[in-house]
């Protein structure tokens, strides 16, 4: 609860927060379920959410590497894509979470899209 309150206060003070709504790195490189905390913070202050996707991060820095891998001809570089802001106003938690998740998923290469049985939100 301390992190939530601190995040809300920072946004009220005009700070832009970057969060990783999955809460962990993907073991498969595919998009996972989102946790609701960051979305609730944005809704508390009616801040828009800017969806950002990071493609090929799993190849640039695999889970078992302490440091990023060397860039080589057969290892793609990471690609960061910044989407259009999504308003939080008047949306339910689940509707907002689903809209952001789908926006990010739509922008990912096939190898990073979520598996068919992946729930949008984590329990």
Foldseek 3Di string as FASTA:
>chain_A
DVVLVVLLVCVVVPDDDDDDQVNDDDLQLADAAGEQSVLVSCLVVFHWDKAKEKHLPCQQAPPPHPHGDDDDPVRDDIDIDIHDTHTSPPDDSVVVLVVSLVVRLVPYDPSHRHDPPHDHHDD
